[in-house]
Structure formats: structure tokens, C-alpha cells
């Protein structure tokens, strides 16, 4: 993060944003590698099976979208594990989308995947059976608008599948917790400046589960569930 320290300081002092597209490529690739280890361990083996009926639905052939897909690693893991599923990655950063498409080609997944440059609050192409947000929702300028759009683009029996960093339900509970200390630092340096566009409702990465539940309710979702947790992550699912 020190690679961008001067520019982050300027963003804070001038009330300007610093989107992910302006970050050092070394930073983005390092974070991507760290998260990929988590996805490889948990996503297909643990998180998807924890959602009743989801693995069967994907195995039988579903249409899924990953919003804020970046380099597309978790979406490609889903595509590899479920060859009958068609997967669409959506992001606003063309260079990341090009790299994701290249990786899909190298894995022989080009016919099964598509990567499109669209806004999270206005993406199209539905109806989708599943809309994924892999550690991306809190980084968006307007998470509420993205959830509303996901609700609109889902099939009648579709679900939203959200992976977010672990967070305490109140800041006082985070005092002295080593994971929270790391998360609040990264939230200040990365997530909040990246989402602080106009108009915005930048949230940072320490959003309580109760807040996500409330935002999903407001977007029209039902049957909210916290389906899996690790020391660093939460998986939340809700139905259209």
C-alpha cells in the first residue's frame, strides 16, 4: 500500500477519490493472489455447498454474473467446477476485463465465459440464476444501487451470493482484535478512497452483517442467510 501512499494522502486532503484503476498494478496483483488462495480453498469445496441446492443448480447449468469481477478468478473457479454453467464477468475496468478474458482462454473456458464493461448499478444481460459479489460490494460507489440492479436482473427464483470481509457488529467490539486492526487499516487506505466517487455512499470494508441484511431487505431480497464464515470472510445469501 505504500506504493500509493502519497496519492492516497492527497485524495484524503482534497476530498477526491482514488479508484482501483489508478492503483499500482503491483498492489492489485498482490491482493488478487491473496484472495485467490482463499477462493481456491473455500469457494467450491465449502461456500457453494453451504447454500441449499446451489451446487446442483450450477451442475445442471445456470447463468451467473460476477459484479466487480476484476481479474475474474473466483468466477473462473465456478466455471471450471461446473462446466454446464454460463458465466458473465462485469466490471468497469477494461484492462482487468481483458486480462480475465485472457485467463479464461488459457483455461479453455472462452466458450463458457464472457466479460463485459458495465456499471454495477446498470448492468444488463439477465435473467441470471445467481449474481455474485466477491469482495466487491463494499468497494462500489453505491452498493444499494448495485443490489437493486442485481434484484432486477435475477430470475424469479434467483439468488444473490455475497462474499465480504469479516466485521464486528459494532466498532467497540473491534478494539484489540488483530483481524479488525488489519481490516480498518486496509479500509482507510484502499476501500474508502476507491469508492468515494460522486454521488457515493462509500462504506469501507467493515460493514456489520446487520447493515448488509438491512440493505438487502431495502433492495427487495428475502430470506437472508449468513451461510459461512472464516476469520477473514463472510458469505451471505438472499433470494429474489
Foldseek 3Di string as FASTA:
>chain_A
DVVCVVVLVVCVVVVAFQAPVNDDPVVVVVVVVVVLVVLVVDVPPPDQVLDPPRVVVLQVEWEEEEEQCQLPRNVLVSCVVRVRYAYEYEEQDVVSQVNNCVVCVVVVNNVRYYYDYDALLDDADAQGQEYEYEQCLLLAQESLSNLLVNVVRYDQFHKYKYKAWDADQDVVVCVPPPLSVVQVVCQSRPRQSNNSDPPGDRDTRHHHPVVVVVSNVVSPWADKDFRDDDNTMTMIMTTD
